[in-house]
Amino acid sequence: MPDPWLPGVHPTPNLQDNPDLYELENRALDPEGRLFAAMRAHADWAGRDVLDLGAGDGFWAPHFHQTARHVFAMEPDDASRLRAMARFARLGLARTSALTGSAARILLPDDAVDLVHVRFAYFWGPGCEPGLAELARVLRPGGWAFIIDNDGTQGTFAAWLRAAAEHRGQAFDPTAHEDFWRDQGFTTETVRSVWRFERRADLEAVVRNELRDPGLADRLLVDHEGLEVDYAFRLRRRCG
C-alpha cells in the first residue's frame, strides 16, 4: 500500500490480489457501453481534460483517451499504477498520464480538469467529504464529477451481494446513504447492464473473486445458467 502521506487509501483485494482476473471482469462489464452513454448524455469529454481517479491498472483510461485532450489516471497503489503505465505505453496513449495520488489528496492544481470519473473507489458515503472537497477544487467551473458504484437494489449481482452480506452476518442496506449524496448535491440514476463472458469458467472465477467466498459463490452459481449476469450501476453526477 502507499505511504501514509496519501490519506483515505484502502486496499482493493479483488483488483490488487488478482489483476489478471479483474481484467477479465472489466472486459465483460457493460459490453454495450450503456454507462458511458449515460455519462455522455450530461457531459461530452471530447477535447476536454479528464481525471480518472482511482484508476487502478488503467483499464478505462483508453476509452477517454479516444477523444479527450488529456487524461490523468491517478492511482495510489504502486503495483496497479505500474500496470497502468505499461498499458498506456503498449497502446501508445500519448495524451494519458499515470500519476500517484488519492481521492483525499489529488496531486493536481486548482481548476485542472473538466471531468472526473471515479469507479468503485473511495466514495462510499459519509466519511468521504475530504475527497469531495478535492473534487470541487480540481474541477473547472461547469465541470462534471461522476461517481460509479454498484446498484444493490436491482439485478442478479445485487442479489448475490445481499446474499454475501447475509452470509457474513453483515447489514446490507443499498439505499442507506442516498440522503448523504443528495445533500452533497449529487443526482443518482440507475444504469442497467450486464457482465457478458466468452467462457463459463471466466464468469465463475470472477464471481468467486468478487464475493470473496468461493463456497458461497459456488452455491449461488448452481442456479445461474449461461454466460451473462444482469448488473446495475448507480451513477452519481454533479456539475460544478
Protein backbone atom coordinates (compact mmCIF):
# COMPACT_ATOMS: atom_id res chain seq x y z
CA MET A 1 0.00 0.00 0.00
CA PRO A 2 1.09 3.64 -0.45
CA ASP A 3 2.80 5.68 2.26
CA PRO A 4 0.54 7.46 4.79
CA TRP A 5 1.09 10.78 3.06
CA LEU A 6 -1.74 9.74 0.74
CA PRO A 7 -4.81 9.83 3.00
CA GLY A 8 -8.02 7.88 2.53
CA VAL A 9 -6.45 4.88 0.78
CA HIS A 10 -7.80 1.38 1.41
CA PRO A 11 -6.94 -1.99 -0.14
CA THR A 12 -8.86 -3.30 -3.15
CA PRO A 13 -8.23 -7.04 -2.98
CA ASN A 14 -10.38 -8.03 -5.96
CA LEU A 15 -8.02 -5.98 -8.18
CA GLN A 16 -4.75 -5.99 -6.27
CA ASP A 17 -4.74 -9.72 -5.45
CA ASN A 18 -5.97 -10.85 -8.88
CA PRO A 19 -5.19 -8.24 -11.55
CA ASP A 20 -5.48 -10.65 -14.48
CA LEU A 21 -8.87 -11.85 -13.28
CA TYR A 22 -10.03 -8.28 -12.75
CA GLU A 23 -9.02 -7.58 -16.35
CA LEU A 24 -11.42 -10.32 -17.45
CA GLU A 25 -14.15 -8.77 -15.35
CA ASN A 26 -13.65 -5.33 -16.89
CA ARG A 27 -13.74 -6.78 -20.39
CA ALA A 28 -17.07 -8.43 -19.60
CA LEU A 29 -18.59 -5.40 -17.90
CA ASP A 30 -21.18 -3.30 -19.76
CA PRO A 31 -20.28 -4.53 -23.29
CA GLU A 32 -22.78 -2.17 -24.93
CA GLY A 33 -21.33 0.91 -23.25
CA ARG A 34 -24.54 2.00 -21.53
CA LEU A 35 -22.71 3.62 -18.64
CA PHE A 36 -20.51 5.77 -20.87
CA ALA A 37 -23.58 6.73 -22.90
CA ALA A 38 -25.36 7.82 -19.71
CA MET A 39 -22.36 9.95 -18.74
CA ARG A 40 -22.02 11.45 -22.22
CA ALA A 41 -25.67 12.49 -22.14
CA HIS A 42 -24.66 15.02 -19.49
CA ALA A 43 -21.04 15.82 -20.37
CA ASP A 44 -19.05 15.10 -23.51
CA TRP A 45 -15.32 14.91 -22.77
CA ALA A 46 -14.20 15.45 -26.37
CA GLY A 47 -11.38 17.99 -26.31
CA ARG A 48 -11.55 18.19 -22.51
CA ASP A 49 -9.20 17.24 -19.67
CA VAL A 50 -10.30 14.16 -17.71
CA LEU A 51 -9.24 12.82 -14.31
CA ASP A 52 -9.72 9.06 -13.92
CA LEU A 53 -9.48 8.92 -10.12
CA GLY A 54 -8.72 5.57 -8.52
CA ALA A 55 -7.79 4.39 -11.99
CA GLY A 56 -6.46 1.00 -10.88
CA ASP A 57 -4.46 -0.55 -13.68
CA GLY A 58 -5.78 1.95 -16.21
CA PHE A 59 -8.42 -0.16 -17.92
CA TRP A 60 -10.89 2.68 -18.54
CA ALA A 61 -8.45 5.45 -19.45
CA PRO A 62 -8.13 4.37 -23.13
CA HIS A 63 -11.85 4.99 -23.62
CA PHE A 64 -11.48 8.61 -22.52
CA HIS A 65 -8.22 8.99 -24.47
CA GLN A 66 -10.06 8.42 -27.75
CA THR A 67 -11.48 11.94 -27.69
CA ALA A 68 -10.19 13.77 -24.59
CA ARG A 69 -7.48 16.41 -24.75
CA HIS A 70 -5.65 14.72 -21.88
CA VAL A 71 -6.39 12.00 -19.34
CA PHE A 72 -4.84 11.95 -15.86
CA ALA A 73 -5.07 8.40 -14.48
CA MET A 74 -4.47 8.75 -10.73
CA GLU A 75 -3.89 5.64 -8.61
CA PRO A 76 -2.32 5.27 -5.14
CA ASP A 77 -1.41 1.57 -5.37
CA ASP A 78 2.09 1.24 -6.78
CA ALA A 79 1.67 -2.15 -8.48
CA SER A 80 -1.60 -1.13 -10.14
CA ARG A 81 -0.10 2.16 -11.30
CA LEU A 82 2.85 0.33 -12.88
CA ARG A 83 0.42 -1.89 -14.78
CA ALA A 84 -1.40 1.25 -15.93
CA MET A 85 1.86 2.77 -17.16
CA ALA A 86 2.66 -0.39 -19.09
CA ARG A 87 -0.82 -0.37 -20.64
CA PHE A 88 -0.54 3.24 -21.76
CA ALA A 89 2.91 2.65 -23.26
CA ARG A 90 1.77 -0.51 -25.05
CA LEU A 91 -1.22 1.28 -26.56
CA GLY A 92 0.71 4.45 -27.36
CA LEU A 93 -1.60 6.70 -25.33
CA ALA A 94 0.46 9.86 -25.64
CA ARG A 95 -2.27 12.03 -24.06
CA THR A 96 -2.65 9.91 -20.91
CA SER A 97 -0.52 10.28 -17.77
CA ALA A 98 -0.29 7.79 -14.90
CA LEU A 99 0.01 9.69 -11.61
CA THR A 100 0.19 8.90 -7.95
CA GLY A 101 -2.39 10.46 -5.65
CA SER A 102 -5.54 9.64 -3.74
CA ALA A 103 -9.10 10.92 -3.59
CA ALA A 104 -8.31 12.89 -0.45
CA ARG A 105 -5.07 14.27 -1.94
CA ILE A 106 -5.34 14.87 -5.68
CA LEU A 107 -1.92 15.98 -6.86
CA LEU A 108 -3.21 18.45 -9.44
CA PRO A 109 -3.64 22.24 -9.24
CA ASP A 110 -6.95 24.01 -8.77
CA ASP A 111 -9.29 24.09 -11.79
CA ALA A 112 -7.24 21.45 -13.58
CA VAL A 113 -9.85 19.23 -15.26
CA ASP A 114 -13.28 19.31 -16.85
CA LEU A 115 -14.48 15.86 -15.82
CA VAL A 116 -13.73 13.40 -13.02
CA HIS A 117 -14.55 9.70 -13.39
CA VAL A 118 -14.48 7.55 -10.23
CA ARG A 119 -15.48 3.90 -10.47
CA PHE A 120 -15.77 1.64 -7.42
CA ALA A 121 -13.27 3.70 -5.40
CA TYR A 122 -13.30 5.58 -2.07
CA PHE A 123 -16.64 7.38 -2.34
CA TRP A 124 -18.89 5.08 -0.32
CA GLY A 125 -20.84 7.69 1.68
CA PRO A 126 -20.27 9.58 4.96
CA GLY A 127 -16.56 9.95 5.63
CA CYS A 128 -15.60 10.75 2.04
CA GLU A 129 -16.00 14.51 2.48
CA PRO A 130 -12.25 15.20 2.08
CA GLY A 131 -12.38 13.59 -1.35
CA LEU A 132 -15.46 15.55 -2.31
CA ALA A 133 -13.68 18.77 -1.35
CA GLU A 134 -10.78 17.74 -3.59
CA LEU A 135 -13.15 17.05 -6.49
CA ALA A 136 -14.58 20.54 -6.11
CA ARG A 137 -11.08 22.01 -6.01
CA VAL A 138 -9.71 20.41 -9.19
CA LEU A 139 -12.85 20.77 -11.31
CA ARG A 140 -13.14 23.80 -13.53
CA PRO A 141 -16.33 25.86 -13.40
CA GLY A 142 -19.04 23.88 -15.17
CA GLY A 143 -17.09 20.63 -14.86
CA TRP A 144 -18.68 17.31 -14.01
CA ALA A 145 -17.97 14.66 -11.39
CA PHE A 146 -19.24 11.12 -12.00
CA ILE A 147 -19.07 8.59 -9.16
CA ILE A 148 -19.97 5.00 -10.03
CA ASP A 149 -20.94 2.25 -7.62
CA ASN A 150 -22.94 -0.96 -7.69
CA ASP A 151 -26.70 -0.58 -7.52
CA GLY A 152 -27.58 -3.00 -4.76
CA THR A 153 -31.31 -2.93 -5.43
CA GLN A 154 -31.58 -4.38 -8.95
CA GLY A 155 -30.24 -7.35 -10.86
CA THR A 156 -28.71 -10.73 -10.19
CA PHE A 157 -25.36 -9.41 -8.99
CA ALA A 158 -27.12 -7.18 -6.45
CA ALA A 159 -28.96 -10.24 -5.12
CA TRP A 160 -25.62 -12.03 -4.79
CA LEU A 161 -24.16 -9.08 -2.87
CA ARG A 162 -27.10 -9.20 -0.48
CA ALA A 163 -26.62 -12.95 -0.04
CA ALA A 164 -22.91 -12.47 0.65
CA ALA A 165 -23.60 -9.83 3.30
CA GLU A 166 -26.20 -12.04 4.97
CA HIS A 167 -23.77 -14.98 4.85
CA ARG A 168 -21.18 -12.88 6.73
CA GLY A 169 -23.75 -11.57 9.21
CA GLN A 170 -23.39 -8.01 7.93
CA ALA A 171 -26.09 -5.41 7.42
CA PHE A 172 -26.82 -4.60 3.79
CA ASP A 173 -28.93 -1.54 3.04
CA PRO A 174 -28.27 -0.39 -0.54
CA THR A 175 -30.18 2.85 -0.01
CA ALA A 176 -28.61 3.82 3.33
CA HIS A 177 -26.59 6.78 2.03
CA GLU A 178 -28.93 8.32 -0.53
CA ASP A 179 -29.68 11.31 1.71
CA PHE A 180 -25.95 11.93 2.08
CA TRP A 181 -25.39 12.06 -1.67
CA ARG A 182 -28.43 14.24 -2.23
CA ASP A 183 -27.20 16.66 0.46
CA GLN A 184 -23.82 16.76 -1.30
CA GLY A 185 -25.54 17.94 -4.48
CA PHE A 186 -25.39 14.69 -6.45
CA THR A 187 -28.15 13.29 -8.61
CA THR A 188 -28.29 9.50 -8.77
CA GLU A 189 -29.56 7.30 -11.58
CA THR A 190 -29.53 3.55 -12.21
CA VAL A 191 -27.97 2.19 -15.38
CA ARG A 192 -28.93 -1.40 -16.16
CA SER A 193 -26.34 -3.53 -17.92
CA VAL A 194 -24.70 -6.98 -17.86
CA TRP A 195 -21.47 -8.88 -17.46
CA ARG A 196 -21.01 -10.86 -20.70
CA PHE A 197 -18.28 -13.51 -20.78
CA GLU A 198 -16.90 -15.71 -23.53
CA ARG A 199 -16.35 -18.69 -21.25
CA ARG A 200 -18.34 -20.02 -18.32
CA ALA A 201 -15.12 -20.65 -16.38
CA ASP A 202 -14.29 -16.94 -16.55
CA LEU A 203 -17.73 -15.95 -15.27
CA GLU A 204 -17.42 -18.32 -12.33
CA ALA A 205 -13.89 -17.17 -11.47
CA VAL A 206 -14.93 -13.51 -11.48
CA VAL A 207 -17.93 -14.16 -9.23
CA ARG A 208 -15.73 -16.03 -6.76
CA ASN A 209 -13.26 -13.15 -6.79
CA GLU A 210 -15.94 -10.54 -6.20
CA LEU A 211 -17.80 -12.37 -3.44
CA ARG A 212 -14.55 -13.37 -1.71
CA ASP A 213 -16.12 -16.67 -0.63
CA PRO A 214 -15.71 -19.49 -3.18
CA GLY A 215 -18.12 -21.79 -1.35
CA LEU A 216 -20.91 -19.22 -1.31
CA ALA A 217 -20.23 -18.28 -4.93
CA ASP A 218 -20.46 -21.91 -6.00
CA ARG A 219 -23.83 -22.30 -4.25
CA LEU A 220 -25.20 -19.19 -5.96
CA LEU A 221 -23.85 -20.20 -9.36
CA VAL A 222 -25.60 -23.59 -9.31
CA ASP A 223 -28.88 -21.90 -10.21
CA HIS A 224 -27.42 -19.46 -12.73
CA GLU A 225 -27.01 -20.60 -16.32
CA GLY A 226 -25.29 -19.11 -19.32
CA LEU A 227 -22.55 -16.53 -19.86
CA GLU A 228 -24.28 -13.35 -18.66
CA VAL A 229 -25.09 -11.78 -15.31
CA ASP A 230 -27.53 -8.87 -15.22
CA TYR A 231 -25.94 -5.96 -13.42
CA ALA A 232 -26.88 -2.43 -12.43
CA PHE A 233 -24.70 0.62 -11.82
CA ARG A 234 -25.50 3.51 -9.56
CA LEU A 235 -24.30 6.60 -11.42
CA ARG A 236 -23.95 9.73 -9.29
CA ARG A 237 -23.34 13.04 -11.03
CA ARG A 238 -22.74 16.63 -10.02
CA CYS A 239 -21.94 19.67 -12.13
CA GLY A 240 -19.67 22.40 -10.83
